Amino acid sequence: MSVNYIRAITERYRRLGHQPYRWFEADSEPPWRALDKPLKKIRLGLLTTAGAYALGQVAFHYKDDSSIREIPSDVAEQNLRFSHITENFLVDPKRDPNCIFPVGTLRKLAREGFVGELADEFFSCMGGIYSQRRVREETAPALLEAFKAQRVDAALLVPM
């Protein structure tokens, strides 16, 4: 079965001068770790791969940007911006950032006591990073350290 977005991304990467993309396949399942406390007591983090950034921060570069943006969890929704290699997928997030960076929804869950508290900073990266090596060696370890620094018990991952 053909999936159109894979063909579109493959073609886009070819036009940008990259070799044909090899889709990542993990050698093993990721480790599972159950929460050791109820949701209403956790400190929750957020990561989106939508290229979100806050007004005043540097936008992501469309080509292989493996950097991370720290976005205050109390950011005003109208101050969220998005830059991503798949710009045509950003129509809805630009209208309603919560569909891909759910700050308003998470704040409501914290206010209502569904989760204990939110991390001070949420994180964003570019989902269209071509280099799997850079994701493994740079982006993923940096995100792990950032989440540890925020002392989160769990993180909501919102891929684009």
Protein backbone atom coordinates (compact mmCIF):
# COMPACT_ATOMS: atom_id res chain seq x y z
CA MET A 1 0.00 0.00 0.00
CA SER A 2 1.38 3.38 -0.99
CA VAL A 3 1.30 6.26 1.49
CA ASN A 4 1.30 9.65 -0.27
CA TYR A 5 3.13 11.60 2.43
CA ILE A 6 6.10 9.21 2.26
CA ARG A 7 6.36 9.76 -1.49
CA ALA A 8 6.01 13.53 -0.98
CA ILE A 9 8.71 13.63 1.70
CA THR A 10 11.02 11.42 -0.38
CA GLU A 11 10.61 13.76 -3.35
CA ARG A 12 11.09 16.86 -1.20
CA TYR A 13 14.33 15.49 0.27
CA ARG A 14 15.56 14.60 -3.25
CA ARG A 15 14.92 18.19 -4.40
CA LEU A 16 16.88 19.46 -1.38
CA GLY A 17 19.89 17.44 -2.54
CA HIS A 18 19.73 14.55 -0.08
CA GLN A 19 20.27 10.89 -0.90
CA PRO A 20 17.11 8.74 -0.86
CA TYR A 21 15.82 8.55 2.68
CA ARG A 22 16.11 5.28 4.61
CA TRP A 23 13.23 5.10 7.08
CA PHE A 24 14.35 4.26 10.60
CA GLU A 25 13.64 0.80 11.94
CA ALA A 26 14.50 0.10 15.57
CA ASP A 27 16.35 -3.11 16.44
CA SER A 28 14.19 -3.62 19.51
CA GLU A 29 11.12 -2.34 21.32
CA PRO A 30 11.69 0.71 23.52
CA PRO A 31 11.70 -0.05 27.23
CA TRP A 32 8.36 0.39 28.96
CA ARG A 33 8.22 2.10 32.33
CA ALA A 34 4.95 2.41 34.19
CA LEU A 35 4.29 5.52 36.26
CA ASP A 36 5.07 5.08 39.93
CA LYS A 37 2.45 7.62 41.01
CA PRO A 38 -1.04 8.60 39.88
CA LEU A 39 -1.47 11.12 37.06
CA LYS A 40 -2.89 13.68 39.48
CA LYS A 41 0.52 13.79 41.21
CA ILE A 42 2.88 13.83 38.22
CA ARG A 43 4.91 16.67 36.77
CA LEU A 44 4.16 16.59 33.03
CA GLY A 45 6.40 17.69 30.18
CA LEU A 46 5.60 18.17 26.50
CA LEU A 47 7.52 17.57 23.28
CA THR A 48 6.23 18.35 19.81
CA THR A 49 8.01 17.68 16.54
CA ALA A 50 6.07 20.44 14.77
CA GLY A 51 8.87 23.00 14.78
CA ALA A 52 7.04 25.15 17.35
CA TYR A 53 8.79 28.17 18.82
CA ALA A 54 7.73 31.22 20.80
CA LEU A 55 7.60 34.76 19.47
CA GLY A 56 11.12 36.19 19.84
CA GLN A 57 12.87 32.82 19.45
CA VAL A 58 14.75 31.80 16.32
CA ALA A 59 12.65 29.78 13.87
CA PHE A 60 13.80 26.31 12.87
CA HIS A 61 15.73 25.98 9.62
CA TYR A 62 13.94 23.76 7.11
CA LYS A 63 17.01 21.65 6.31
CA ASP A 64 18.14 19.17 8.97
CA ASP A 65 17.78 21.46 12.00
CA SER A 66 18.41 19.21 15.01
CA SER A 67 18.15 21.97 17.61
CA ILE A 68 15.56 22.24 20.38
CA ARG A 69 13.40 25.16 21.52
CA GLU A 70 12.45 25.57 25.16
CA ILE A 71 9.06 27.22 25.33
CA PRO A 72 7.66 28.46 28.64
CA SER A 73 4.62 26.39 29.61
CA ASP A 74 2.76 29.63 30.34
CA VAL A 75 3.35 31.01 26.82
CA ALA A 76 0.38 32.87 25.37
CA GLU A 77 -1.06 30.75 22.56
CA GLN A 78 -1.05 33.73 20.19
CA ASN A 79 2.74 33.93 20.69
CA LEU A 80 3.37 30.43 19.32
CA ARG A 81 4.88 30.13 15.87
CA PHE A 82 5.68 27.13 13.67
CA SER A 83 8.33 26.45 11.06
CA HIS A 84 8.65 23.04 9.51
CA ILE A 85 9.89 21.39 6.34
CA THR A 86 6.33 20.19 5.71
CA GLU A 87 4.86 23.71 5.71
CA ASN A 88 1.61 22.53 4.07
CA PHE A 89 0.80 20.58 7.27
CA LEU A 90 0.88 23.76 9.39
CA VAL A 91 -2.42 25.33 8.32
CA ASP A 92 -4.34 23.98 11.32
CA PRO A 93 -1.61 24.58 13.95
CA LYS A 94 -1.36 28.21 12.83
CA ARG A 95 -5.12 28.56 13.40
CA ASP A 96 -5.19 26.54 16.63
CA PRO A 97 -1.77 25.78 18.15
CA ASN A 98 -3.38 23.34 20.61
CA CYS A 99 -3.83 20.74 17.87
CA ILE A 100 -0.06 20.15 17.80
CA PHE A 101 1.26 22.03 20.88
CA PRO A 102 -1.57 21.63 23.43
CA VAL A 103 -0.53 24.22 26.02
CA GLY A 104 -4.08 25.40 26.66
CA THR A 105 -5.38 21.87 27.08
CA LEU A 106 -2.54 20.87 29.42
CA ARG A 107 -3.00 24.00 31.55
CA LYS A 108 -6.70 23.13 31.86
CA LEU A 109 -5.84 19.54 32.91
CA ALA A 110 -3.47 20.89 35.57
CA ARG A 111 -6.04 23.45 36.83
CA GLU A 112 -8.65 20.70 37.11
CA GLY A 113 -6.26 18.42 39.00
CA PHE A 114 -6.09 15.72 36.33
CA VAL A 115 -2.29 16.09 36.34
CA GLY A 116 -0.27 17.37 39.26
CA GLU A 117 1.68 20.16 37.59
CA LEU A 118 3.31 21.15 34.34
CA ALA A 119 7.01 21.53 33.69
CA ASP A 120 8.18 25.14 33.52
CA GLU A 121 9.41 24.67 29.96
CA PHE A 122 7.99 22.59 27.12
CA PHE A 123 10.12 21.41 24.20
CA SER A 124 9.93 21.47 20.45
CA CYS A 125 12.10 20.13 17.69
CA MET A 126 11.87 19.68 13.95
CA GLY A 127 10.26 16.40 13.00
CA GLY A 128 11.85 16.39 9.56
CA ILE A 129 15.45 15.83 10.63
CA TYR A 130 17.11 13.92 7.81
CA SER A 131 20.10 12.66 9.78
CA GLN A 132 19.19 9.72 11.99
CA ARG A 133 22.69 9.91 13.47
CA ARG A 134 22.12 13.50 14.63
CA VAL A 135 18.78 12.54 16.18
CA ARG A 136 20.40 9.62 18.06
CA GLU A 137 23.59 11.45 19.05
CA GLU A 138 22.41 15.06 19.51
CA THR A 139 18.67 15.70 19.66
CA ALA A 140 17.50 12.68 21.68
CA PRO A 141 20.22 12.97 24.38
CA ALA A 142 19.67 16.74 24.63
CA LEU A 143 15.92 16.19 25.08
CA LEU A 144 16.51 13.53 27.72
CA GLU A 145 18.75 15.90 29.68
CA ALA A 146 16.26 18.75 29.26
CA PHE A 147 13.41 16.60 30.60
CA LYS A 148 15.59 15.48 33.52
CA ALA A 149 16.41 19.12 34.31
CA GLN A 150 12.66 19.85 34.33
CA ARG A 151 12.16 16.93 36.78
CA VAL A 152 9.25 15.52 34.77
CA ASP A 153 7.64 12.23 35.67
CA ALA A 154 6.10 11.80 32.22
CA ALA A 155 6.12 13.59 28.89
CA LEU A 156 3.41 13.94 26.30
CA LEU A 157 4.93 13.38 22.85
CA VAL A 158 3.03 15.06 20.02
CA PRO A 159 4.55 14.06 16.67
CA MET A 160 3.80 15.88 13.47
